[in-house]
Structure formats: structure tokens, C-alpha cells
Amino acid sequence: MTTARWQKSSYCGASNECVEVRTVDGLVELRESDDGGVIVHTTPAKFARFLEGVKAGEFDHHGDLTA
């Protein structure tokens, strides 16, 4: 059983609708704080590339950001 603590962005405040992240055994794990049973696993390198894409706006067309 792992004891790594989940972290969420400071932008979430007290909300329970955030993405949480942690590292376990050399992998990065992601989950939604309101549905902790679904966990996505990836490598640190792939996660870093994903974050770069988010910051560059690559995924902005997937959602209505004005809502």
C-alpha cells in the first residue's frame, strides 16, 4: 500500500472538483478529487510534455473556456 500524498493545485482552494497528482514508484498518478477511484498512470516525461501542451494552449479547443 502506498503512502504518497495527493497534491492539488492552490488554484482549487477548498473545492473538491480538482485534479490531484502524486508520484509512486517512479510514475505520476492523476485523479479527480471528487472521484478518487479512477487513477491515470503516466511517466514523468509524458506528464511534463502534457503540461507543456496545456500551457501552450494545445487543448483549449476541447472545451468551452468561457463557461
N, C-alpha and C. Protein backbone atom coordinates (compact mmCIF):
# COMPACT_ATOMS: atom_id res chain seq x y z
N MET A 1 0.85 -1.19 0.00
CA MET A 1 0.00 0.00 0.00
C MET A 1 0.88 1.23 0.00
N THR A 2 0.54 2.19 -0.83
CA THR A 2 1.34 3.40 -0.96
C THR A 2 0.92 4.45 0.06
N THR A 3 1.87 5.27 0.46
CA THR A 3 1.57 6.35 1.40
C THR A 3 1.85 7.72 0.79
N ALA A 4 2.15 7.77 -0.52
CA ALA A 4 2.40 9.05 -1.17
C ALA A 4 1.15 9.91 -1.09
N ARG A 5 1.33 11.18 -0.77
CA ARG A 5 0.20 12.09 -0.58
C ARG A 5 -0.21 12.72 -1.89
N TRP A 6 -1.50 12.83 -2.10
CA TRP A 6 -2.05 13.51 -3.26
C TRP A 6 -1.90 15.01 -3.08
N GLN A 7 -1.60 15.71 -4.17
CA GLN A 7 -1.49 17.17 -4.15
C GLN A 7 -2.46 17.74 -5.16
N LYS A 8 -3.04 18.87 -4.82
CA LYS A 8 -3.86 19.57 -5.80
C LYS A 8 -3.41 21.01 -5.89
N SER A 9 -3.74 21.63 -6.97
CA SER A 9 -3.31 22.99 -7.24
C SER A 9 -3.84 23.96 -6.18
N SER A 10 -3.06 24.96 -5.89
CA SER A 10 -3.51 26.01 -4.97
C SER A 10 -4.68 26.80 -5.57
N TYR A 11 -4.86 26.72 -6.89
CA TYR A 11 -5.99 27.38 -7.55
C TYR A 11 -7.32 26.74 -7.17
N CYS A 12 -7.30 25.52 -6.67
CA CYS A 12 -8.52 24.81 -6.32
C CYS A 12 -9.16 25.35 -5.04
N GLY A 13 -8.36 25.90 -4.17
CA GLY A 13 -8.88 26.38 -2.90
C GLY A 13 -9.49 25.24 -2.11
N ALA A 14 -10.69 25.43 -1.61
CA ALA A 14 -11.37 24.40 -0.81
C ALA A 14 -12.25 23.50 -1.66
N SER A 15 -12.23 23.70 -2.97
CA SER A 15 -13.07 22.92 -3.87
C SER A 15 -12.68 21.45 -3.89
N ASN A 16 -13.66 20.59 -4.10
CA ASN A 16 -13.40 19.16 -4.25
C ASN A 16 -13.52 18.74 -5.71
N GLU A 17 -13.41 19.68 -6.63
CA GLU A 17 -13.50 19.38 -8.06
C GLU A 17 -12.19 19.76 -8.72
N CYS A 18 -11.14 19.09 -8.34
CA CYS A 18 -9.80 19.40 -8.83
C CYS A 18 -9.10 18.14 -9.28
N VAL A 19 -8.06 18.32 -10.07
CA VAL A 19 -7.19 17.21 -10.43
C VAL A 19 -6.10 17.14 -9.37
N GLU A 20 -5.84 15.92 -8.90
CA GLU A 20 -4.80 15.70 -7.91
C GLU A 20 -3.68 14.88 -8.55
N VAL A 21 -2.47 15.06 -8.07
CA VAL A 21 -1.30 14.38 -8.64
C VAL A 21 -0.40 13.89 -7.52
N ARG A 22 0.28 12.79 -7.79
CA ARG A 22 1.30 12.29 -6.86
C ARG A 22 2.27 11.41 -7.67
N THR A 23 3.40 11.11 -7.08
CA THR A 23 4.34 10.18 -7.70
C THR A 23 4.45 8.93 -6.83
N VAL A 24 4.44 7.78 -7.50
CA VAL A 24 4.53 6.49 -6.82
C VAL A 24 5.39 5.57 -7.68
N ASP A 25 6.43 5.03 -7.09
CA ASP A 25 7.28 4.06 -7.78
C ASP A 25 7.77 4.56 -9.14
N GLY A 26 8.12 5.83 -9.22
CA GLY A 26 8.66 6.40 -10.45
C GLY A 26 7.63 6.80 -11.48
N LEU A 27 6.34 6.64 -11.18
CA LEU A 27 5.28 7.05 -12.09
C LEU A 27 4.52 8.23 -11.52
N VAL A 28 3.86 8.97 -12.40
CA VAL A 28 2.98 10.05 -11.99
C VAL A 28 1.55 9.51 -12.05
N GLU A 29 0.79 9.75 -10.99
CA GLU A 29 -0.60 9.35 -10.93
C GLU A 29 -1.48 10.59 -10.86
N LEU A 30 -2.60 10.55 -11.58
CA LEU A 30 -3.57 11.64 -11.61
C LEU A 30 -4.94 11.09 -11.29
N ARG A 31 -5.74 11.90 -10.61
CA ARG A 31 -7.14 11.55 -10.35
C ARG A 31 -7.94 12.82 -10.15
N GLU A 32 -9.25 12.70 -10.24
CA GLU A 32 -10.13 13.80 -9.88
C GLU A 32 -10.44 13.67 -8.40
N SER A 33 -10.40 14.78 -7.69
CA SER A 33 -10.60 14.72 -6.25
C SER A 33 -12.00 14.25 -5.86
N ASP A 34 -12.99 14.46 -6.73
CA ASP A 34 -14.35 14.03 -6.39
C ASP A 34 -14.65 12.61 -6.87
N ASP A 35 -13.69 11.95 -7.53
CA ASP A 35 -13.85 10.56 -7.97
C ASP A 35 -12.51 9.86 -7.87
N GLY A 36 -12.06 9.62 -6.64
CA GLY A 36 -10.72 9.11 -6.39
C GLY A 36 -10.46 7.68 -6.81
N GLY A 37 -11.48 6.97 -7.24
CA GLY A 37 -11.29 5.58 -7.63
C GLY A 37 -10.69 5.39 -9.01
N VAL A 38 -10.73 6.42 -9.84
CA VAL A 38 -10.18 6.34 -11.19
C VAL A 38 -8.84 7.05 -11.19
N ILE A 39 -7.77 6.28 -11.42
CA ILE A 39 -6.41 6.83 -11.38
C ILE A 39 -5.73 6.59 -12.71
N VAL A 40 -5.15 7.63 -13.28
CA VAL A 40 -4.40 7.55 -14.52
C VAL A 40 -2.92 7.52 -14.16
N HIS A 41 -2.16 6.60 -14.76
CA HIS A 41 -0.74 6.47 -14.51
C HIS A 41 0.02 6.89 -15.77
N THR A 42 1.12 7.62 -15.61
CA THR A 42 1.95 8.01 -16.74
C THR A 42 3.39 8.18 -16.27
N THR A 43 4.28 8.38 -17.21
CA THR A 43 5.69 8.60 -16.85
C THR A 43 5.93 10.08 -16.60
N PRO A 44 6.95 10.41 -15.84
CA PRO A 44 7.26 11.83 -15.61
C PRO A 44 7.51 12.59 -16.92
N ALA A 45 8.17 11.96 -17.89
CA ALA A 45 8.45 12.63 -19.16
C ALA A 45 7.17 12.93 -19.93
N LYS A 46 6.26 11.98 -19.99
CA LYS A 46 4.99 12.21 -20.69
C LYS A 46 4.14 13.25 -19.97
N PHE A 47 4.17 13.23 -18.65
CA PHE A 47 3.42 14.22 -17.88
C PHE A 47 3.99 15.62 -18.12
N ALA A 48 5.30 15.73 -18.18
CA ALA A 48 5.94 17.03 -18.45
C ALA A 48 5.54 17.55 -19.83
N ARG A 49 5.50 16.66 -20.83
CA ARG A 49 5.09 17.07 -22.18
C ARG A 49 3.62 17.49 -22.19
N PHE A 50 2.80 16.77 -21.43
CA PHE A 50 1.39 17.14 -21.33
C PHE A 50 1.24 18.54 -20.73
N LEU A 51 1.95 18.81 -19.64
CA LEU A 51 1.87 20.14 -19.01
C LEU A 51 2.34 21.23 -19.95
N GLU A 52 3.39 20.96 -20.72
CA GLU A 52 3.85 21.93 -21.72
C GLU A 52 2.75 22.22 -22.73
N GLY A 53 2.04 21.18 -23.16
CA GLY A 53 0.95 21.35 -24.10
C GLY A 53 -0.20 22.15 -23.52
N VAL A 54 -0.52 21.90 -22.26
CA VAL A 54 -1.58 22.66 -21.59
C VAL A 54 -1.20 24.14 -21.54
N LYS A 55 0.02 24.42 -21.12
CA LYS A 55 0.48 25.80 -21.02
C LYS A 55 0.52 26.50 -22.37
N ALA A 56 0.77 25.73 -23.44
CA ALA A 56 0.84 26.30 -24.78
C ALA A 56 -0.54 26.43 -25.44
N GLY A 57 -1.59 25.94 -24.77
CA GLY A 57 -2.94 26.07 -25.30
C GLY A 57 -3.33 24.98 -26.29
N GLU A 58 -2.57 23.90 -26.37
CA GLU A 58 -2.85 22.84 -27.34
C GLU A 58 -4.23 22.20 -27.17
N PHE A 59 -4.77 22.22 -25.97
CA PHE A 59 -6.01 21.52 -25.70
C PHE A 59 -7.20 22.45 -25.50
N ASP A 60 -7.00 23.73 -25.70
CA ASP A 60 -8.05 24.70 -25.46
C ASP A 60 -9.30 24.46 -26.32
N HIS A 61 -9.13 23.89 -27.49
CA HIS A 61 -10.26 23.66 -28.38
C HIS A 61 -11.16 22.51 -27.92
N HIS A 62 -10.76 21.79 -26.87
CA HIS A 62 -11.56 20.66 -26.39
C HIS A 62 -12.67 21.07 -25.44
N GLY A 63 -12.73 22.30 -25.06
CA GLY A 63 -13.76 22.72 -24.13
C GLY A 63 -14.12 24.18 -24.31
N ASP A 64 -15.25 24.55 -23.82
CA ASP A 64 -15.68 25.93 -23.85
C ASP A 64 -15.10 26.62 -22.63
N LEU A 65 -14.05 27.39 -22.81
CA LEU A 65 -13.36 28.01 -21.69
C LEU A 65 -14.07 29.28 -21.20
N THR A 66 -15.15 29.68 -21.87
CA THR A 66 -15.88 30.87 -21.43
C THR A 66 -16.97 30.52 -20.43
N ALA A 67 -17.26 29.25 -20.28
CA ALA A 67 -18.35 28.84 -19.37
C ALA A 67 -17.89 28.85 -17.93
